[in-house]
Protein backbone atom coordinates (compact mmCIF):
# COMPACT_ATOMS: atom_id res chain seq x y z
CA MET A 1 16.33 -22.16 -10.84
CA PRO A 2 19.47 -20.50 -9.34
CA VAL A 3 19.03 -18.30 -6.28
CA GLN A 4 19.68 -14.78 -7.05
CA GLN A 5 21.88 -12.90 -4.41
CA MET A 6 20.82 -9.30 -4.15
CA GLU A 7 22.94 -6.49 -2.47
CA THR A 8 21.26 -3.59 -0.75
CA LEU A 9 21.98 0.10 -1.18
CA SER A 10 23.65 1.92 1.83
CA GLY A 11 25.44 5.34 1.44
CA GLY A 12 25.62 5.17 -2.39
CA ARG A 13 27.27 1.52 -2.35
CA TRP A 14 25.74 -1.71 -3.10
CA VAL A 15 26.73 -3.96 -0.14
CA GLY A 16 26.20 -7.64 1.16
CA ALA A 17 26.52 -8.99 4.66
CA ASP A 18 27.85 -11.86 6.56
CA ALA A 19 24.49 -13.44 6.84
CA TRP A 20 21.69 -13.59 4.30
CA VAL A 21 17.81 -13.84 4.33
CA ASP A 22 16.08 -16.24 2.06
CA VAL A 23 13.23 -15.03 -0.15
CA PHE A 24 10.51 -17.58 -1.48
CA ASP A 25 8.23 -17.73 -4.54
CA PRO A 26 4.61 -18.22 -3.09
CA ALA A 27 3.84 -20.21 -6.11
CA ASP A 28 6.18 -22.69 -5.06
CA VAL A 29 7.97 -22.58 -1.55
CA ARG A 30 10.11 -25.68 -1.72
CA ALA A 31 13.41 -23.58 -2.26
CA PRO A 32 14.51 -20.03 -1.96
CA VAL A 33 14.55 -17.90 -5.23
CA ALA A 34 16.73 -14.98 -3.94
CA ARG A 35 18.82 -13.81 -0.88
CA VAL A 36 19.20 -10.44 0.62
CA PRO A 37 21.68 -9.17 3.08
CA ALA A 38 20.82 -9.64 6.83
CA LEU A 39 22.10 -6.32 8.11
CA THR A 40 23.17 -5.94 11.73
CA ALA A 41 22.21 -3.16 14.17
CA GLU A 42 25.67 -1.73 13.52
CA ASP A 43 25.03 -1.71 9.72
CA VAL A 44 21.72 0.22 10.36
CA ARG A 45 23.53 2.81 12.39
CA LYS A 46 25.82 3.30 9.35
CA VAL A 47 22.85 3.65 7.12
CA TYR A 48 21.62 6.52 9.21
CA ASP A 49 25.03 8.24 9.22
CA ALA A 50 24.80 7.98 5.40
CA ALA A 51 21.19 9.42 5.42
CA GLU A 52 22.25 12.17 7.71
CA SER A 53 25.07 13.23 5.22
CA GLY A 54 22.97 12.73 2.16
CA PHE A 55 20.13 15.01 3.55
CA VAL A 56 22.55 17.94 3.94
CA GLY A 57 23.39 17.89 0.20
CA TRP A 58 20.05 16.93 -1.24
CA ARG A 59 18.00 19.62 0.69
CA ALA A 60 20.43 22.15 -0.82
CA THR A 61 20.05 20.72 -4.41
CA SER A 62 18.05 22.67 -6.90
CA PRO A 63 14.60 21.25 -7.15
CA PHE A 64 15.01 21.30 -10.85
CA GLU A 65 17.88 18.77 -10.52
CA ARG A 66 15.92 16.66 -8.02
CA ALA A 67 13.08 16.58 -10.61
CA ARG A 68 15.56 15.50 -13.29
CA VAL A 69 16.69 12.57 -11.15
CA LEU A 70 13.20 11.46 -10.44
CA PHE A 71 12.36 11.66 -14.27
CA ARG A 72 15.32 9.64 -15.20
CA ALA A 73 14.56 7.04 -12.63
CA ALA A 74 10.80 6.80 -13.88
CA ALA A 75 12.32 6.22 -17.41
CA LEU A 76 14.52 3.44 -16.24
CA LEU A 77 11.56 1.67 -14.50
CA ARG A 78 9.63 1.73 -17.80
CA GLU A 79 12.70 0.50 -19.78
CA ARG A 80 13.06 -2.24 -17.24
CA VAL A 81 9.34 -3.04 -16.73
CA THR A 82 9.56 -6.71 -17.96
CA GLU A 83 12.58 -7.48 -15.67
CA VAL A 84 11.11 -5.47 -12.62
CA ALA A 85 7.63 -6.95 -13.01
CA ALA A 86 9.12 -10.54 -12.96
CA VAL A 87 10.81 -9.81 -9.57
CA VAL A 88 7.31 -8.59 -8.20
CA VAL A 89 5.75 -11.78 -9.55
CA ARG A 90 8.60 -14.14 -8.23
CA GLU A 91 8.37 -12.68 -4.54
CA ASN A 92 4.82 -11.57 -4.23
CA GLY A 93 3.05 -14.05 -6.51
CA LYS A 94 0.59 -11.56 -8.32
CA THR A 95 -0.07 -11.90 -11.78
CA SER A 96 2.20 -10.69 -14.65
CA ALA A 97 -0.42 -8.07 -15.68
CA GLU A 98 -0.78 -6.97 -12.05
CA ALA A 99 2.97 -6.61 -11.69
CA ARG A 100 3.40 -4.78 -14.87
CA GLY A 101 0.67 -2.38 -13.81
CA GLU A 102 2.39 -1.95 -10.44
CA THR A 103 5.76 -1.03 -12.20
CA GLU A 104 4.08 1.52 -14.53
CA LYS A 105 2.33 3.07 -11.56
CA ALA A 106 5.54 3.34 -9.69
CA ALA A 107 6.96 5.18 -12.57
CA ASP A 108 3.96 7.60 -12.40
CA PHE A 109 4.67 8.44 -8.93
CA LEU A 110 8.27 9.67 -9.78
CA GLU A 111 6.99 11.51 -12.71
CA TYR A 112 4.12 13.27 -10.73
CA TYR A 113 6.32 14.29 -7.89
CA ALA A 114 9.17 15.26 -10.17
CA SER A 115 6.89 17.80 -11.62
CA MET A 116 5.73 18.86 -8.17
CA ALA A 117 9.33 19.56 -7.21
CA ARG A 118 9.25 22.40 -9.68
CA SER A 119 6.22 24.08 -8.08
CA GLY A 120 6.16 26.80 -5.40
CA TYR A 121 7.33 26.10 -1.94
CA GLY A 122 5.48 28.76 0.06
CA THR A 123 3.39 31.94 0.11
CA LEU A 124 3.66 35.57 0.69
CA LEU A 125 1.49 37.07 3.34
CA HIS A 126 0.65 40.72 4.45
CA ASP A 127 2.07 41.92 7.77
CA VAL A 128 0.40 44.56 10.04
CA ARG A 129 3.71 46.25 10.78
CA PRO A 130 4.88 48.87 8.20
CA ARG A 131 7.52 48.00 5.48
CA THR A 132 7.29 44.42 6.54
CA ARG A 133 6.40 41.32 4.48
CA ALA A 134 5.84 37.77 5.82
CA GLU A 135 6.27 34.61 4.02
CA VAL A 136 5.58 30.90 4.68
CA ARG A 137 8.19 28.41 3.65
CA ARG A 138 7.86 24.59 3.30
CA GLU A 139 11.14 22.74 4.12
CA PRO A 140 12.02 19.09 4.10
CA VAL A 141 11.80 17.44 7.52
CA GLY A 142 14.97 15.55 7.37
CA VAL A 143 15.60 11.69 7.42
CA VAL A 144 12.41 9.83 6.77
CA LEU A 145 12.06 6.03 7.73
CA ALA A 146 9.70 4.36 5.31
CA ILE A 147 8.33 0.88 6.20
CA THR A 148 6.60 -0.85 3.50
CA PRO A 149 4.54 -3.95 3.26
CA TRP A 150 4.68 -7.09 1.06
CA ASN A 151 1.27 -6.63 -0.89
CA ASP A 152 2.43 -3.78 -3.06
CA PRO A 153 6.18 -4.20 -2.84
CA LEU A 154 7.06 -1.66 -5.48
CA LEU A 155 4.05 0.59 -5.50
CA THR A 156 4.27 1.47 -1.74
CA PRO A 157 7.87 2.37 -1.81
CA ALA A 158 7.24 4.58 -4.76
CA ARG A 159 4.10 6.24 -3.13
CA LYS A 160 6.29 7.17 -0.25
CA LEU A 161 9.72 7.90 -1.56
CA ALA A 162 8.68 9.98 -4.58
CA PRO A 163 7.07 12.78 -2.44
CA ALA A 164 9.76 12.43 0.17
CA LEU A 165 12.59 12.90 -2.29
CA ALA A 166 10.87 15.62 -4.31
CA ALA A 167 10.47 17.73 -1.18
CA GLY A 168 14.25 17.30 -0.33
CA ASN A 169 14.41 14.59 2.31
CA ALA A 170 16.66 11.55 2.68
CA VAL A 171 14.97 8.09 3.10
CA VAL A 172 15.84 5.01 4.83
CA LEU A 173 13.59 2.24 3.33
CA LYS A 174 12.69 -0.91 5.09
CA PRO A 175 10.82 -3.29 2.90
CA ALA A 176 8.98 -6.40 3.93
CA THR A 177 11.15 -9.30 4.59
CA GLU A 178 8.91 -11.53 2.34
CA THR A 179 9.37 -9.12 -0.80
CA PRO A 180 12.68 -7.04 -0.54
CA GLY A 181 13.51 -7.44 -4.32
CA PRO A 182 11.05 -4.80 -5.75
CA ALA A 183 12.23 -2.26 -3.36
CA LEU A 184 15.72 -2.87 -4.31
CA GLU A 185 14.89 -2.47 -8.01
CA PHE A 186 13.19 0.86 -7.20
CA ALA A 187 16.37 1.85 -5.23
CA ARG A 188 18.61 0.75 -8.28
CA ALA A 189 16.67 2.92 -10.62
CA LEU A 190 17.12 5.86 -8.41
CA ASP A 191 20.84 5.22 -8.04
CA ASP A 192 21.28 4.69 -11.66
CA ALA A 193 19.46 7.84 -12.26
CA GLY A 194 22.01 9.82 -10.23
CA ILE A 195 20.64 10.10 -6.71
CA PRO A 196 23.46 11.26 -4.47
CA PRO A 197 25.09 8.90 -1.93
CA GLY A 198 22.97 8.62 1.33
CA VAL A 199 19.76 10.09 0.10
CA VAL A 200 18.16 6.76 -0.50
CA ASN A 201 19.10 3.69 1.61
CA VAL A 202 17.48 0.20 1.88
CA VAL A 203 17.63 -1.75 4.97
CA THR A 204 17.09 -5.51 4.50
CA GLY A 205 17.30 -8.16 7.20
CA ARG A 206 15.43 -9.74 10.17
CA THR A 207 13.14 -7.29 11.96
CA SER A 208 13.50 -8.92 15.26
CA GLN A 209 17.37 -8.38 15.16
CA ILE A 210 17.40 -4.75 13.96
CA SER A 211 14.09 -3.16 15.08
CA ASP A 212 15.60 -0.97 17.97
CA ALA A 213 18.54 0.23 15.75
CA LEU A 214 15.87 1.08 12.95
CA LEU A 215 13.32 2.81 15.21
CA GLU A 216 15.33 4.46 17.94
CA ASP A 217 17.84 6.38 15.89
CA PRO A 218 17.60 10.03 17.10
CA ARG A 219 18.04 11.35 13.57
CA ILE A 220 14.69 10.02 12.34
CA ALA A 221 12.42 13.12 11.68
CA ALA A 222 9.39 11.19 10.50
CA VAL A 223 8.13 7.59 10.05
CA THR A 224 5.69 6.60 7.21
CA PHE A 225 4.26 3.12 7.66
CA THR A 226 2.00 0.84 5.67
CA GLY A 227 0.89 -2.46 7.25
CA GLY A 228 -1.11 -3.94 10.07
CA ASN A 229 -2.88 -2.23 12.82
CA GLU A 230 -1.40 -3.89 15.68
CA VAL A 231 2.24 -2.96 14.67
CA GLY A 232 1.04 0.51 13.35
CA GLU A 233 -0.38 1.32 16.71
CA ARG A 234 2.81 0.34 18.44
CA LEU A 235 4.90 2.53 16.14
CA ARG A 236 2.39 5.52 16.60
CA VAL A 237 2.83 5.45 20.32
CA ARG A 238 6.65 4.92 20.17
CA MET A 239 7.11 7.83 17.76
CA ALA A 240 4.82 10.23 19.85
CA ALA A 241 7.03 9.84 22.78
CA ARG A 242 9.82 11.32 20.90
CA ASN A 243 7.63 13.87 18.99
CA VAL A 244 8.49 12.15 15.81
CA ARG A 245 5.76 12.69 13.14
CA PHE A 246 4.00 9.49 12.14
CA GLN A 247 1.99 8.49 9.09
CA GLY A 248 -0.01 5.19 9.12
CA GLU A 249 -1.88 3.62 6.28
CA LEU A 250 -3.42 0.60 8.16
CA GLY A 251 -6.32 -1.88 7.67
CA GLY A 252 -9.69 -1.82 6.17
CA LYS A 253 -12.92 -3.89 6.07
CA ASN A 254 -14.17 -2.29 2.91
CA ALA A 255 -17.74 -2.75 1.69
CA SER A 256 -19.50 -2.61 -1.69
CA VAL A 257 -23.23 -1.91 -1.70
CA VAL A 258 -25.39 -3.06 -4.66
CA LEU A 259 -28.75 -1.26 -4.87
CA ALA A 260 -31.87 -2.79 -6.58
CA ASP A 261 -31.50 -0.40 -9.53
CA ALA A 262 -27.95 -1.18 -10.24
CA ASP A 263 -26.65 -2.91 -13.29
CA LEU A 264 -26.15 -6.21 -11.57
CA ASP A 265 -23.76 -7.76 -14.07
CA ALA A 266 -21.45 -4.71 -14.17
CA ALA A 267 -21.66 -4.55 -10.26
CA ALA A 268 -20.61 -8.21 -10.08
CA ASP A 269 -17.73 -7.66 -12.44
CA ALA A 270 -16.43 -4.81 -10.24
CA VAL A 271 -16.95 -6.71 -7.19
CA VAL A 272 -14.94 -9.72 -8.43
CA LEU A 273 -12.05 -7.39 -9.40
CA ALA A 274 -11.99 -5.50 -6.20
CA SER A 275 -12.29 -8.57 -4.09
CA PHE A 276 -10.08 -11.18 -5.75
CA GLY A 277 -7.52 -9.00 -7.63
CA GLN A 278 -4.12 -9.81 -6.10
CA ALA A 279 -5.95 -12.57 -4.17
CA GLY A 280 -7.66 -10.15 -2.12
CA GLN A 281 -4.34 -8.79 -0.62
CA ARG A 282 -5.08 -5.07 -1.02
CA CYS A 283 -5.93 -2.68 1.67
CA THR A 284 -8.65 -1.41 -0.40
CA ALA A 285 -10.12 -4.81 -1.33
CA THR A 286 -13.79 -5.34 -0.92
CA SER A 287 -14.48 -7.85 1.85
CA ARG A 288 -18.16 -7.10 2.65
CA VAL A 289 -20.71 -7.09 -0.21
CA LEU A 290 -24.29 -5.66 0.81
CA VAL A 291 -27.11 -6.31 -1.54
CA GLU A 292 -30.54 -4.76 -1.47
CA ARG A 293 -32.67 -7.65 -0.64
CA SER A 294 -35.08 -7.41 -3.52
CA VAL A 295 -32.23 -8.37 -6.00
CA PHE A 296 -30.14 -10.38 -3.47
CA GLU A 297 -30.69 -13.91 -4.90
CA ARG A 298 -30.21 -12.69 -8.55
CA PHE A 299 -26.98 -10.98 -7.67
CA ALA A 300 -25.70 -13.83 -5.60
CA GLY A 301 -26.27 -16.13 -8.56
CA ILE A 302 -24.41 -13.80 -11.03
CA LEU A 303 -21.45 -13.44 -8.49
CA ARG A 304 -21.17 -17.10 -7.87
CA GLY A 305 -20.90 -17.81 -11.71
CA LYS A 306 -18.28 -15.09 -12.12
CA VAL A 307 -16.19 -16.38 -9.11
CA ALA A 308 -16.46 -19.89 -10.24
CA ALA A 309 -14.89 -19.02 -13.61
CA LEU A 310 -11.70 -17.46 -11.74
CA ARG A 311 -8.62 -19.47 -12.46
CA VAL A 312 -6.24 -20.00 -9.61
CA GLY A 313 -2.53 -20.43 -10.46
CA PRO A 314 1.05 -18.95 -10.54
CA GLY A 315 1.26 -15.34 -11.45
CA ASP A 316 3.37 -15.83 -14.53
CA HIS A 317 1.15 -18.38 -16.14
CA PRO A 318 -1.22 -17.23 -18.86
CA GLY A 319 -4.91 -17.27 -17.86
CA THR A 320 -4.20 -17.02 -14.08
CA SER A 321 -6.76 -14.59 -12.69
CA VAL A 322 -6.11 -15.41 -8.90
CA CYS A 323 -2.54 -15.58 -7.69
CA PRO A 324 -1.31 -17.20 -4.57
CA VAL A 325 -1.19 -15.42 -1.16
CA VAL A 326 2.22 -14.34 -0.02
CA SER A 327 3.28 -17.16 2.32
CA PRO A 328 2.32 -20.46 3.93
CA ALA A 329 1.72 -18.59 7.28
CA HIS A 330 -0.56 -16.19 5.51
CA ARG A 331 -2.56 -18.95 3.71
CA GLU A 332 -3.08 -20.59 7.02
CA SER A 333 -4.40 -17.36 8.53
CA VAL A 334 -6.92 -16.91 5.65
CA LEU A 335 -7.99 -20.56 5.96
CA ALA A 336 -8.28 -20.27 9.77
CA ALA A 337 -10.59 -17.07 9.44
CA ILE A 338 -12.85 -19.04 7.01
CA ALA A 339 -12.99 -21.99 9.38
CA LEU A 340 -13.87 -19.62 12.30
CA ALA A 341 -16.66 -17.93 10.18
CA VAL A 342 -18.25 -21.43 9.46
CA LYS A 343 -17.91 -22.36 13.09
CA GLN A 344 -19.75 -19.24 14.05
CA GLY A 345 -22.66 -20.08 11.67
CA ALA A 346 -21.51 -18.68 8.29
CA ARG A 347 -22.13 -20.83 5.16
CA ILE A 348 -19.55 -21.36 2.25
CA GLU A 349 -21.30 -20.45 -1.03
CA ILE A 350 -18.14 -21.23 -3.03
CA GLY A 351 -14.44 -21.94 -2.28
CA GLY A 352 -13.17 -21.97 1.19
CA ASP A 353 -10.33 -24.43 0.66
CA VAL A 354 -7.20 -25.07 -1.20
CA PRO A 355 -7.09 -26.18 -4.77
CA ASP A 356 -6.13 -29.74 -5.55
CA GLU A 357 -5.16 -29.16 -9.32
CA GLU A 358 -1.79 -30.68 -10.14
CA GLY A 359 1.18 -28.34 -10.09
CA LEU A 360 -0.32 -26.19 -7.28
CA ALA A 361 0.56 -28.36 -4.40
CA HIS A 362 3.63 -26.46 -3.41
CA GLY A 363 2.16 -23.00 -3.53
CA CYS A 364 0.26 -20.79 -1.08
CA TYR A 365 -3.07 -21.06 -2.83
CA VAL A 366 -6.71 -20.32 -1.43
CA ARG A 367 -9.85 -20.71 -3.72
CA PRO A 368 -11.82 -17.57 -4.11
CA THR A 369 -14.37 -17.57 -1.40
CA ILE A 370 -17.89 -16.29 -0.73
CA LEU A 371 -19.42 -16.57 2.78
CA ALA A 372 -23.30 -16.24 3.32
CA ASP A 373 -25.39 -16.12 6.45
CA VAL A 374 -22.89 -13.65 8.07
CA THR A 375 -24.10 -11.59 10.96
CA PRO A 376 -22.37 -8.47 12.42
CA GLU A 377 -21.46 -10.35 15.49
CA MET A 378 -19.10 -12.78 13.69
CA ASP A 379 -15.44 -12.19 13.53
CA ILE A 380 -15.52 -12.29 9.72
CA TRP A 381 -17.62 -9.13 9.75
CA ARG A 382 -15.15 -7.18 11.90
CA HIS A 383 -11.70 -8.37 11.18
CA GLU A 384 -9.52 -7.94 8.08
CA VAL A 385 -8.72 -11.27 6.45
CA PHE A 386 -6.52 -9.92 3.64
CA GLY A 387 -7.28 -12.76 1.28
CA PRO A 388 -9.63 -13.86 -1.53
CA VAL A 389 -12.72 -13.83 0.89
CA VAL A 390 -15.99 -11.81 0.87
CA VAL A 391 -19.10 -11.97 2.85
CA LEU A 392 -22.40 -11.58 1.14
CA ARG A 393 -25.14 -9.99 3.15
CA PRO A 394 -28.82 -8.60 2.27
CA VAL A 395 -29.77 -5.23 3.29
CA GLU A 396 -33.15 -3.49 3.28
CA GLY A 397 -32.25 -0.31 1.48
CA LEU A 398 -29.82 2.62 1.38
CA ASP A 399 -30.00 3.77 4.81
CA ALA A 400 -29.53 0.41 6.26
CA ALA A 401 -26.68 -0.10 3.88
CA ILE A 402 -24.97 3.08 4.85
CA ALA A 403 -25.37 2.07 8.51
CA GLU A 404 -23.70 -1.44 7.89
CA VAL A 405 -20.94 0.13 6.00
CA ASN A 406 -20.17 2.28 8.98
CA ASP A 407 -20.45 -0.65 11.32
CA SER A 408 -16.74 -1.04 11.62
CA ASP A 409 -13.67 0.17 13.38
CA PHE A 410 -12.17 0.89 9.95
CA GLY A 411 -13.04 3.53 7.47
CA LEU A 412 -10.78 3.08 4.30
CA ALA A 413 -12.88 2.51 1.33
CA ALA A 414 -16.62 1.98 0.18
CA ALA A 415 -18.45 1.56 -3.02
CA VAL A 416 -22.06 1.92 -4.10
CA PHE A 417 -23.61 0.64 -7.34
CA THR A 418 -26.75 2.53 -8.47
CA ARG A 419 -28.18 4.49 -11.31
CA ARG A 420 -29.66 7.00 -8.96
CA LEU A 421 -27.69 10.24 -8.54
CA ASP A 422 -29.40 11.12 -5.19
CA ALA A 423 -28.44 7.74 -3.81
CA ALA A 424 -24.92 8.16 -5.01
CA HIS A 425 -24.67 11.50 -3.22
CA ARG A 426 -26.44 10.19 0.01
CA PHE A 427 -23.96 7.35 0.09
CA ALA A 428 -20.94 9.55 -0.27
CA ASP A 429 -22.12 11.91 2.39
CA GLY A 430 -23.06 9.21 4.84
CA VAL A 431 -20.22 6.65 4.71
CA GLU A 432 -17.35 7.16 7.13
CA CYS A 433 -14.47 6.45 4.61
CA GLY A 434 -11.63 8.16 3.18
CA GLN A 435 -12.31 6.77 -0.37
CA VAL A 436 -15.71 6.54 -1.82
CA ALA A 437 -16.54 4.95 -5.31
CA VAL A 438 -19.87 4.96 -7.29
CA ASN A 439 -20.32 2.31 -9.85
CA THR A 440 -16.62 1.32 -9.77
CA THR A 441 -14.19 -0.70 -7.50
CA THR A 442 -12.99 0.32 -4.07
CA SER A 443 -9.53 1.69 -5.14
CA GLY A 444 -6.79 4.34 -4.47
CA TRP A 445 -4.42 4.19 -7.29
CA ASP A 446 -4.39 7.39 -9.18
CA VAL A 447 -1.29 9.23 -7.96
CA HIS A 448 -2.80 12.76 -7.94
CA GLN A 449 -5.72 11.72 -5.77
CA PRO A 450 -5.33 11.90 -2.04
CA PHE A 451 -5.35 8.41 -0.26
CA GLY A 452 -6.03 7.34 3.14
CA GLY A 453 -8.58 6.31 5.54
CA PHE A 454 -10.52 7.29 8.70
CA ARG A 455 -10.66 5.88 12.16
CA ASP A 456 -8.53 2.80 12.58
CA SER A 457 -7.54 2.73 8.82
CA GLY A 458 -4.92 5.48 9.31
CA SER A 459 -3.52 8.51 10.57
CA PRO A 460 -4.69 12.12 9.62
CA PHE A 461 -1.80 12.52 7.08
CA LYS A 462 -3.05 11.44 3.54
CA GLU A 463 -0.74 9.88 0.75
CA GLN A 464 -0.69 10.72 -2.79
CA GLY A 465 -1.52 14.04 -4.59
CA THR A 466 -0.39 17.42 -3.00
CA GLU A 467 -1.58 16.25 0.36
CA ALA A 468 1.38 13.84 0.62
CA LEU A 469 3.71 16.78 0.71
CA ARG A 470 2.23 17.98 3.86
CA PHE A 471 3.77 15.06 5.78
CA TYR A 472 7.09 15.39 4.15
CA THR A 473 7.50 19.05 4.85
CA ARG A 474 7.57 21.42 7.83
CA VAL A 475 6.33 25.05 7.75
CA LYS A 476 8.44 28.07 8.63
CA THR A 477 6.98 31.66 8.86
CA VAL A 478 9.48 34.53 8.22
CA ALA A 479 8.94 38.31 8.63
CA ILE A 480 11.33 40.69 6.85
CA ARG A 481 11.37 44.39 7.56
CA PHE A 482 12.79 46.47 4.79
CA GLY A 483 13.70 50.10 4.52
CA ALA A 484 14.09 52.57 7.31
């Protein structure tokens, strides 16, 4: 397969570089499938020059025109869904169905925030002074740096850029080095839709060589980041020192609880989808399954059977249900987490290794894995694996389950499966999570629903819905006296 050489968008121009970064297909890592420019620190400074200039014009652009651009970009993504989804599959590895769903959802974000751009941008307030009225305005913050991960390489840029652009900001987008192509496809849709030069810019390259230029530019007004906790915490502290607002969507150790009265077969289907979709590489993926003891053995048997039926393979092969993980290094980290759990006393119920089927030898595959005999003292209970691995543990009832869900530094997502309305409400009230599901998967996809976690799972600023606009706007209060 020929290597595709992709340019990046800077100041309204598609540009290359003197050096390039190779991009690999996790289904077969023997040779690169694409190359993107390795920008230099000087290139990054020029990107910020362009963003600064682009912001001046974009904030003054009619919100109706901003909306038209976003609507056109959404239509282009839908027209190009087959080609764009193929880039997602090629670089991330996820199945064709998952990639098409991600592309359609990216278009949803653009359409939703295009409609929001037409809404009011403030309120009128009474003023105690005579012949005076006060108003509250929401204004764009300026140049936003968006740092996005490899696991949802199209969806996450859309989740961040759509509200930022609708509010009138300019954006510098830094996609993950492993998966830059989908972000470039997203930028191309916006560029083709008529976004003015400098309003959207994409920085590709080796983070180690450009991080200071990327993070220290004084024109940055806000940083939105999705990724690991270690990097996120460093960014939070670094931005706080300069009074730059920071939004972090970080890790999770999400739990699904199955109570004795639940529909066990339906619960197992939901757990399989939540745990092994995208090979478990979702921040909202279920990684802990807590089952009421009276039905534990029965549910475990049902779950084992469904997991055994999953088919591991390349994302573009028909019948594949579990794709490869993103890279050889990530595969090794997942396998190391499984090995450590076994060393600490856990037992492998199914999976726990790499497949030996012909044709999979050069890919980054891990068999879907269930671990039993896990205790809260083990690393596998505490730490995010971000792969196709779940722990299965009995609990004595609802109160014990809520306590074990909350036995975590994270607080992103949790689910309960029950037919009892009182149990559903007690669970929703009691768990310390930003997203709570009842009789469905741990999830956070609907664009109009606020998304984000508590504690170490993220910052107070939520994404999605109207809540997202709070991060991308600042508040100005104006009092106007009229008459003599």
